[in-house]
N, C-alpha and C. Protein backbone atom coordinates (compact mmCIF):
# COMPACT_ATOMS: atom_id res chain seq x y z
N UNK A 1 1.10 -1.30 -0.41
CA UNK A 1 -0.13 -0.11 0.30
C UNK A 1 0.29 1.42 -0.27
N UNK A 2 1.09 2.34 -1.35
CA UNK A 2 1.84 3.16 -1.06
C UNK A 2 1.00 4.42 0.27
N UNK A 3 2.09 5.32 0.62
CA UNK A 3 1.75 6.41 1.91
C UNK A 3 0.95 6.91 1.00
N UNK A 4 -0.34 7.72 1.09
CA UNK A 4 -0.87 8.94 0.27
C UNK A 4 -0.12 10.20 0.83
N UNK A 5 1.21 10.90 -0.42
CA UNK A 5 1.46 12.47 -0.22
C UNK A 5 1.05 13.09 -0.25
N UNK A 6 0.32 13.96 1.17
CA UNK A 6 -0.07 15.34 0.62
C UNK A 6 0.58 16.50 0.12
N UNK A 7 0.31 17.68 -0.51
CA UNK A 7 0.94 18.52 -1.27
C UNK A 7 1.56 19.94 0.15
N UNK A 8 1.19 18.75 1.25
CA UNK A 8 2.91 19.46 2.15
C UNK A 8 3.94 19.10 1.68
N UNK A 9 3.86 17.06 1.94
CA UNK A 9 4.65 16.31 1.95
C UNK A 9 5.52 16.68 0.71
N UNK A 10 4.67 17.09 -0.16
CA UNK A 10 5.58 17.35 -1.71
C UNK A 10 5.91 18.11 -1.60
N UNK A 11 5.99 18.94 -1.24
CA UNK A 11 6.68 20.81 -0.65
C UNK A 11 7.39 20.60 -0.09
N UNK A 12 7.67 20.08 0.99
CA UNK A 12 9.38 19.67 2.31
C UNK A 12 9.85 18.90 1.17
N UNK A 13 9.68 18.27 0.48
CA UNK A 13 10.31 17.01 -0.14
C UNK A 13 11.20 17.70 -1.30
N UNK A 14 9.93 18.73 -2.12
CA UNK A 14 10.39 19.33 -3.70
C UNK A 14 11.50 20.96 -2.81
N UNK A 15 12.28 20.68 -1.60
CA UNK A 15 12.79 21.84 -0.56
C UNK A 15 14.14 20.77 -0.50
N UNK A 16 13.53 19.36 -0.33
CA UNK A 16 14.47 19.27 0.28
C UNK A 16 14.59 19.06 1.28
N UNK A 17 13.15 18.77 1.98
CA UNK A 17 13.69 19.28 3.84
C UNK A 17 13.44 17.25 4.26
N UNK A 18 14.51 17.59 5.29
CA UNK A 18 13.42 16.64 6.36
C UNK A 18 12.55 16.65 6.73
N UNK A 19 11.74 15.85 7.17
CA UNK A 19 10.77 15.69 7.76
C UNK A 19 9.47 14.32 8.13
N UNK A 20 9.07 13.63 9.34
CA UNK A 20 8.66 13.29 9.40
C UNK A 20 7.24 12.57 8.99
N UNK A 21 5.82 11.91 8.36
CA UNK A 21 4.46 12.34 8.32
C UNK A 21 3.90 10.95 9.25
N UNK A 22 2.38 11.55 9.39
CA UNK A 22 2.17 11.17 10.34
C UNK A 22 1.02 9.87 9.68
N UNK A 23 -0.18 9.14 9.61
CA UNK A 23 -1.70 9.40 10.07
C UNK A 23 -2.18 8.90 10.57
N UNK A 24 -3.72 9.71 11.04
CA UNK A 24 -3.89 9.29 12.89
C UNK A 24 -5.89 9.04 12.08
N UNK A 25 -5.66 8.43 10.41
CA UNK A 25 -7.36 8.59 9.93
C UNK A 25 -7.80 7.67 10.62
N UNK A 26 -7.04 6.74 11.01
CA UNK A 26 -7.96 5.42 11.78
C UNK A 26 -8.47 5.79 13.44
N UNK A 27 -8.39 6.42 13.56
CA UNK A 27 -8.14 6.42 15.32
C UNK A 27 -9.84 8.11 15.33
N UNK A 28 -9.76 8.52 15.46
CA UNK A 28 -11.02 9.17 15.12
C UNK A 28 -10.93 10.56 15.93
N UNK A 29 -9.69 10.82 16.39
CA UNK A 29 -9.37 11.55 16.28
C UNK A 29 -9.13 12.98 16.19
N UNK A 30 -11.04 14.01 16.78
CA UNK A 30 -11.05 15.46 16.08
C UNK A 30 -10.30 16.58 16.13
N UNK A 31 -10.43 16.52 17.95
CA UNK A 31 -9.73 18.55 19.18
C UNK A 31 -7.64 17.46 18.56
N UNK A 32 -6.66 18.88 18.35
CA UNK A 32 -5.35 18.79 19.19
C UNK A 32 -5.34 17.94 19.48
N UNK A 33 -5.39 17.79 20.47
CA UNK A 33 -4.64 17.42 22.12
C UNK A 33 -5.23 15.79 21.53
N UNK A 34 -6.48 15.55 21.23
CA UNK A 34 -6.55 14.03 20.49
C UNK A 34 -5.48 13.63 19.76
N UNK A 35 -5.50 14.07 18.68
CA UNK A 35 -4.44 13.99 17.49
C UNK A 35 -2.59 13.73 18.66
N UNK A 36 -3.00 13.93 19.27
CA UNK A 36 -1.44 14.02 19.77
C UNK A 36 -1.10 13.22 20.63
N UNK A 37 -2.57 12.08 21.27
CA UNK A 37 -2.07 11.14 21.56
C UNK A 37 -2.87 10.18 20.73
N UNK A 38 -3.39 10.57 19.99
CA UNK A 38 -3.56 9.52 18.45
C UNK A 38 -1.76 8.97 18.57
N UNK A 39 -1.64 10.55 18.49
CA UNK A 39 0.12 9.92 17.78
C UNK A 39 1.27 9.68 18.69
N UNK A 40 0.79 9.70 19.85
CA UNK A 40 1.34 9.19 20.91
C UNK A 40 2.42 10.57 21.98
N UNK A 41 2.24 11.61 21.01
CA UNK A 41 3.35 12.43 20.88
C UNK A 41 2.80 13.23 22.01
N UNK A 42 3.86 14.39 23.22
CA UNK A 42 3.50 15.58 23.63
C UNK A 42 2.26 16.96 22.78
N UNK A 43 1.71 16.78 23.88
CA UNK A 43 0.70 18.04 22.73
C UNK A 43 0.99 19.58 22.85
N UNK A 44 2.09 18.81 23.76
CA UNK A 44 2.95 20.73 23.60
C UNK A 44 3.90 21.29 22.17
N UNK A 45 3.83 19.18 21.59
CA UNK A 45 4.71 19.15 20.25
C UNK A 45 4.02 19.99 19.00
N UNK A 46 2.39 19.31 20.04
CA UNK A 46 1.66 18.72 18.13
C UNK A 46 1.75 20.80 17.98
N UNK A 47 1.65 21.18 17.33
CA UNK A 47 1.00 22.46 17.09
C UNK A 47 -0.47 22.84 15.99
N UNK A 48 -1.71 23.71 16.45
CA UNK A 48 -2.35 23.80 15.63
C UNK A 48 -2.06 24.56 14.17
N UNK A 49 -2.35 25.22 13.57
CA UNK A 49 -2.78 26.20 12.80
C UNK A 49 -4.09 27.61 13.14
N UNK A 50 -3.26 28.13 12.96
CA UNK A 50 -4.80 29.34 12.86
C UNK A 50 -4.83 30.20 11.98
N UNK A 51 -5.83 30.78 11.79
CA UNK A 51 -5.05 31.99 10.12
C UNK A 51 -6.63 33.55 11.00
N UNK A 52 -6.38 34.31 11.19
CA UNK A 52 -6.68 35.28 11.37
C UNK A 52 -7.13 36.58 10.46
N UNK A 53 -7.36 37.54 10.50
CA UNK A 53 -7.35 38.99 9.64
C UNK A 53 -7.70 40.16 10.47
N UNK A 54 -6.90 41.01 10.12
CA UNK A 54 -6.92 41.73 10.93
C UNK A 54 -7.60 43.50 10.60
N UNK A 55 -7.88 44.34 10.70
CA UNK A 55 -9.04 45.57 10.72
C UNK A 55 -8.34 45.87 8.97
N UNK A 56 -7.27 45.66 8.34
CA UNK A 56 -6.95 45.82 7.49
C UNK A 56 -7.29 45.10 6.58
N UNK A 57 -7.42 44.22 6.70
CA UNK A 57 -7.55 42.58 6.32
C UNK A 57 -7.04 42.38 5.54
N UNK A 58 -5.80 42.46 6.33
CA UNK A 58 -4.30 41.45 6.01
C UNK A 58 -4.92 40.34 7.38
N UNK A 59 -3.58 39.15 6.37
CA UNK A 59 -4.47 37.26 7.44
C UNK A 59 -3.24 37.24 7.55
N UNK A 60 -3.09 37.01 8.95
CA UNK A 60 -1.95 35.98 9.89
C UNK A 60 -2.06 34.63 10.03
N UNK A 61 -0.70 34.01 10.28
CA UNK A 61 -1.40 32.87 10.77
C UNK A 61 -0.22 32.59 11.69
N UNK A 62 -1.45 31.75 12.71
CA UNK A 62 -0.76 31.58 14.22
C UNK A 62 -0.69 30.49 14.52
N UNK A 63 0.83 29.74 14.89
CA UNK A 63 1.11 28.09 15.09
C UNK A 63 1.10 28.16 16.85
N UNK A 64 0.55 27.02 17.70
CA UNK A 64 0.36 27.26 19.08
C UNK A 64 0.56 25.37 19.22
N UNK A 65 0.26 24.91 20.64
CA UNK A 65 -0.15 24.18 21.10
C UNK A 65 -0.98 23.62 20.92
N UNK A 66 -1.83 22.67 20.49
CA UNK A 66 -3.02 22.20 20.25
C UNK A 66 -3.22 22.63 21.88
N UNK A 67 -2.40 21.85 22.51
CA UNK A 67 -3.44 22.16 24.68
C UNK A 67 -3.45 24.08 24.97
N UNK A 68 -3.10 25.08 23.84
CA UNK A 68 -3.55 25.93 24.73
C UNK A 68 -4.33 26.62 23.51
N UNK A 69 -3.92 28.34 23.65
CA UNK A 69 -5.05 29.57 22.58
C UNK A 69 -4.44 30.12 22.80
N UNK A 70 -5.32 31.06 21.77
CA UNK A 70 -4.71 31.95 21.23
C UNK A 70 -4.68 33.38 21.45
N UNK A 71 -3.57 34.15 22.46
CA UNK A 71 -4.16 35.49 22.46
C UNK A 71 -4.00 36.77 21.78
N UNK A 72 -5.67 36.26 21.47
CA UNK A 72 -5.36 37.33 20.25
C UNK A 72 -4.83 39.38 20.71
N UNK A 73 -4.51 39.55 21.76
CA UNK A 73 -3.90 41.09 21.68
C UNK A 73 -2.18 40.20 21.17
N UNK A 74 -1.39 39.28 22.31
CA UNK A 74 -0.26 39.35 21.93
C UNK A 74 0.13 39.06 20.36
N UNK A 75 -0.99 38.24 19.67
CA UNK A 75 -1.26 37.56 18.46
C UNK A 75 -0.46 39.49 18.37
N UNK A 76 -1.63 40.38 17.82
CA UNK A 76 -2.29 41.11 17.81
C UNK A 76 -0.48 42.07 17.42
N UNK A 77 0.01 42.33 18.71
CA UNK A 77 1.06 42.61 19.36
C UNK A 77 2.53 42.49 18.16
N UNK A 78 1.98 40.79 17.75
CA UNK A 78 3.70 40.06 17.11
C UNK A 78 3.40 40.18 15.88
N UNK A 79 2.61 40.53 14.68
CA UNK A 79 2.03 40.85 13.96
C UNK A 79 1.83 42.17 13.40
N UNK A 80 1.99 43.31 14.49
CA UNK A 80 2.72 44.60 14.69
C UNK A 80 0.87 45.83 14.81
N UNK A 81 -0.17 44.99 14.50
CA UNK A 81 -1.69 44.99 13.95
C UNK A 81 -2.02 45.79 15.85
N UNK A 82 -2.90 46.75 15.46
CA UNK A 82 -3.60 47.19 16.44
C UNK A 82 -4.82 45.60 16.71
N UNK A 83 -5.37 44.65 16.04
CA UNK A 83 -5.87 43.81 16.91
C UNK A 83 -5.92 43.08 15.34
N UNK A 84 -6.35 40.88 15.51
CA UNK A 84 -6.88 40.60 14.35
C UNK A 84 -8.01 39.59 14.93
N UNK A 85 -8.45 39.15 14.72
CA UNK A 85 -10.05 38.58 15.01
C UNK A 85 -9.60 36.81 14.37
N UNK A 86 -10.08 35.97 14.74
CA UNK A 86 -10.30 34.50 13.94
C UNK A 86 -10.84 35.33 12.69
N UNK A 87 -9.83 33.89 11.33
CA UNK A 87 -10.56 33.93 9.99
C UNK A 87 -12.26 33.88 10.23
N UNK A 88 -13.33 33.49 9.99
CA UNK A 88 -14.66 32.63 9.79
C UNK A 88 -14.22 31.49 8.94
N UNK A 89 -14.42 30.25 10.00
CA UNK A 89 -15.06 29.26 9.53
C UNK A 89 -15.45 29.28 7.66
N UNK A 90 -16.50 29.68 7.05
CA UNK A 90 -16.78 30.15 5.55
C UNK A 90 -15.10 29.69 4.77
N UNK A 91 -14.63 31.24 5.63
CA UNK A 91 -13.35 31.99 4.75
C UNK A 91 -12.95 31.26 4.61
N UNK A 92 -12.02 30.26 4.88
CA UNK A 92 -11.14 29.31 5.62
C UNK A 92 -10.56 28.39 4.26
N UNK A 93 -11.13 28.51 3.58
CA UNK A 93 -11.22 27.41 2.70
C UNK A 93 -10.44 28.00 0.61
N UNK A 94 -11.70 29.36 1.05
CA UNK A 94 -11.03 30.35 0.22
C UNK A 94 -9.95 31.27 0.21
N UNK A 95 -9.85 31.61 1.75
CA UNK A 95 -8.61 31.97 1.72
C UNK A 95 -7.34 31.23 1.54
N UNK A 96 -7.02 29.53 1.79
CA UNK A 96 -6.07 29.69 2.37
C UNK A 96 -6.26 28.10 1.78
N UNK A 97 -6.81 27.52 1.06
CA UNK A 97 -6.95 26.02 0.21
C UNK A 97 -7.22 24.91 1.15
N UNK A 98 -7.50 25.99 2.96
CA UNK A 98 -7.03 24.34 3.57
C UNK A 98 -8.59 24.58 4.28
N UNK A 99 -9.07 23.20 4.49
CA UNK A 99 -10.54 23.42 5.52
C UNK A 99 -10.48 22.88 7.45
N UNK A 100 -10.72 23.61 7.62
CA UNK A 100 -11.19 23.31 9.01
C UNK A 100 -9.98 22.35 9.16
N UNK A 101 -9.34 21.36 10.15
CA UNK A 101 -8.64 20.68 10.85
C UNK A 101 -7.47 20.13 9.99
N UNK A 102 -7.47 20.38 8.54
CA UNK A 102 -6.87 19.96 7.94
C UNK A 102 -5.63 21.67 7.14
N UNK A 103 -6.11 22.46 8.56
CA UNK A 103 -4.93 23.63 7.60
C UNK A 103 -3.20 23.67 8.28
N UNK A 104 -2.34 23.73 6.88
CA UNK A 104 -1.65 23.97 7.02
C UNK A 104 -0.75 25.03 7.29
N UNK A 105 0.46 25.84 7.82
CA UNK A 105 1.25 26.91 6.95
C UNK A 105 1.83 26.55 5.86
N UNK A 106 1.93 25.88 5.94
CA UNK A 106 2.32 24.71 4.69
C UNK A 106 1.61 25.16 2.85
N UNK A 107 1.87 25.49 1.96
CA UNK A 107 1.31 25.44 0.67
C UNK A 107 -0.78 26.78 0.61
N UNK A 108 -0.22 27.21 1.29
CA UNK A 108 -1.87 27.91 1.50
C UNK A 108 -1.75 27.98 0.06
N UNK A 109 -2.86 28.99 -0.34
CA UNK A 109 -2.72 29.56 -1.71
C UNK A 109 -1.93 30.59 -1.54
N UNK A 110 -2.03 31.45 -1.11
CA UNK A 110 -0.93 32.82 -0.84
C UNK A 110 -0.01 32.54 0.67
N UNK A 111 1.21 33.38 0.72
CA UNK A 111 1.90 32.84 1.34
C UNK A 111 1.69 34.14 2.13
N UNK A 112 1.14 33.98 3.80
CA UNK A 112 0.70 35.01 4.64
C UNK A 112 1.73 34.76 5.82
N UNK A 113 2.05 35.80 6.17
CA UNK A 113 3.40 35.38 7.70
C UNK A 113 2.65 34.53 8.22
N UNK A 114 3.83 33.81 8.87
CA UNK A 114 3.48 32.65 9.86
C UNK A 114 4.21 33.06 10.95
N UNK A 115 3.65 32.67 13.10
CA UNK A 115 3.72 33.15 13.64
C UNK A 115 3.13 31.84 14.75
N UNK A 116 5.03 31.77 15.08
CA UNK A 116 4.95 30.52 16.04
C UNK A 116 5.09 30.52 17.72
N UNK A 117 4.58 30.02 17.49
CA UNK A 117 4.26 30.21 19.68
C UNK A 117 6.49 29.99 20.44
N UNK A 118 6.63 30.29 21.49
CA UNK A 118 8.00 30.64 21.86
C UNK A 118 8.71 29.73 22.54
N UNK A 119 6.87 28.30 22.42
CA UNK A 119 7.14 27.58 23.32
C UNK A 119 8.38 26.44 22.44
N UNK A 120 7.81 26.72 20.60
CA UNK A 120 8.58 25.99 20.20
C UNK A 120 9.60 25.57 20.47
N UNK A 121 10.65 26.29 21.42
CA UNK A 121 12.08 26.67 21.07
C UNK A 121 12.66 25.82 21.41
N UNK A 122 11.08 24.95 22.35
CA UNK A 122 11.75 24.14 23.51
C UNK A 122 12.02 22.74 22.91
N UNK A 123 11.45 22.28 21.09
CA UNK A 123 12.05 21.40 20.92
C UNK A 123 12.40 20.96 19.60
N UNK A 124 13.63 19.87 19.43
CA UNK A 124 14.53 19.86 18.37
C UNK A 124 13.14 20.00 16.36
N UNK A 125 11.78 19.80 16.58
CA UNK A 125 10.94 19.28 15.67
C UNK A 125 9.66 20.00 16.19
N UNK A 126 9.50 20.18 15.34
CA UNK A 126 7.09 20.78 15.48
C UNK A 126 6.19 19.96 14.71
N UNK A 127 5.12 19.43 15.11
CA UNK A 127 4.46 18.59 14.39
C UNK A 127 3.46 19.19 14.37
N UNK A 128 2.73 19.52 13.11
CA UNK A 128 0.86 20.47 12.60
C UNK A 128 0.75 19.25 11.51
N UNK A 129 -0.34 20.42 10.98
CA UNK A 129 -0.78 19.69 9.81
C UNK A 129 -0.36 19.19 9.16
N UNK A 130 -1.10 17.83 8.44
CA UNK A 130 0.76 17.98 7.01
C UNK A 130 -0.74 18.17 5.87
N UNK A 131 -1.89 19.51 6.05
CA UNK A 131 -2.33 19.79 5.37
C UNK A 131 -4.37 19.66 4.95
N UNK A 132 -3.62 18.03 5.48
CA UNK A 132 -5.06 17.22 4.85
C UNK A 132 -5.56 16.52 6.83
N UNK A 133 -6.74 16.57 6.72
CA UNK A 133 -7.25 15.80 8.09
C UNK A 133 -6.74 14.37 8.09
N UNK A 134 -6.16 13.96 9.14
CA UNK A 134 -5.56 12.51 9.32
C UNK A 134 -4.13 12.83 9.40
N UNK A 135 -3.85 13.73 8.44
CA UNK A 135 -2.48 14.06 8.38
C UNK A 135 -1.86 15.06 9.07
N UNK A 136 -0.52 14.13 10.24
CA UNK A 136 1.00 15.80 10.16
C UNK A 136 1.98 15.00 9.61
N UNK A 137 2.41 15.79 9.84
CA UNK A 137 4.35 16.07 8.96
C UNK A 137 4.88 17.19 10.47
N UNK A 138 5.98 16.78 10.62
CA UNK A 138 6.63 16.58 11.69
C UNK A 138 8.41 17.47 11.08
N UNK A 139 8.45 18.48 11.40
CA UNK A 139 10.46 19.30 11.17
C UNK A 139 10.79 20.59 11.14
N UNK A 140 11.05 20.75 11.88
CA UNK A 140 12.16 21.49 12.66
C UNK A 140 11.69 22.82 12.62
N UNK A 141 11.57 24.03 12.80
CA UNK A 141 10.94 25.44 12.90
C UNK A 141 12.73 25.60 11.50
N UNK A 142 13.54 25.57 11.92
CA UNK A 142 15.07 25.86 10.64
C UNK A 142 13.67 25.64 9.86
N UNK A 143 13.77 24.51 9.41
CA UNK A 143 12.99 24.30 8.04
C UNK A 143 11.76 24.09 7.59
N UNK A 144 11.71 24.82 8.26
CA UNK A 144 10.18 25.31 8.23
C UNK A 144 9.84 26.92 7.80
N UNK A 145 10.35 28.50 8.35
CA UNK A 145 11.71 28.33 7.87
C UNK A 145 11.77 28.82 6.60
N UNK A 146 12.96 27.86 6.39
CA UNK A 146 13.42 28.12 4.97
C UNK A 146 11.88 27.75 3.92
N UNK A 147 10.77 27.71 4.14
CA UNK A 147 9.46 27.58 3.30
C UNK A 147 8.42 28.45 3.82
N UNK A 148 8.06 29.03 4.52
CA UNK A 148 7.09 30.18 5.36
C UNK A 148 8.31 31.33 5.56
N UNK A 149 6.80 32.11 5.87
CA UNK A 149 7.81 34.25 6.19
C UNK A 149 7.86 33.15 8.01
N UNK A 150 8.07 33.21 8.77
CA UNK A 150 7.99 33.06 9.94
C UNK A 150 8.73 33.20 10.85
N UNK A 151 8.07 33.95 11.84
CA UNK A 151 9.15 34.53 13.43
C UNK A 151 7.87 33.56 14.18
N UNK A 152 9.22 34.17 15.21
CA UNK A 152 8.91 33.40 16.92
C UNK A 152 8.30 34.43 17.32
N UNK A 153 7.55 33.66 18.67
CA UNK A 153 6.93 35.12 19.45
C UNK A 153 6.51 34.90 20.78
N UNK A 154 6.15 35.29 21.69
CA UNK A 154 5.02 35.26 22.49
C UNK A 154 3.04 35.34 22.96
N UNK A 155 2.33 34.21 21.63
CA UNK A 155 1.33 34.65 21.87
C UNK A 155 -0.40 33.75 22.36
N UNK A 156 0.07 32.79 22.96
CA UNK A 156 -0.47 32.28 23.20
C UNK A 156 -1.04 33.10 25.14
N UNK A 157 -1.89 32.41 25.49
CA UNK A 157 -2.55 33.11 26.28
C UNK A 157 -2.08 32.35 27.82
């Protein structure tokens, strides 16, 4: 049986970047914490990808541990905006090309600035969506920064 490759995996390979992929489709996991449990990984190392929009209609992507919540004030400050709000679910697919639960910072329709929570520095690698529900990829922040415009900041509540 050949393993399904997501667009995210193809992009990582095209850049010759090392990564590990996970498939949790048979686990029934829905929430990020359930995904971490299904993978047998530390929820502090498994990151969710959230998309926000500012008053100026700019989109920003934030990555944070699945067990934490995004602090919208800290997030806005990190990207130099007065405030940001979560992108509405109905706008996620047209804006990013991804569905809720399968949103990855890699391979979005447009290259949006990505901010990853400073807790990511505690790990050699981080695990995040492979761009499709049921798939995750693991790579270093350094590798991720070679594909997306990445900054590190304290963005959690």
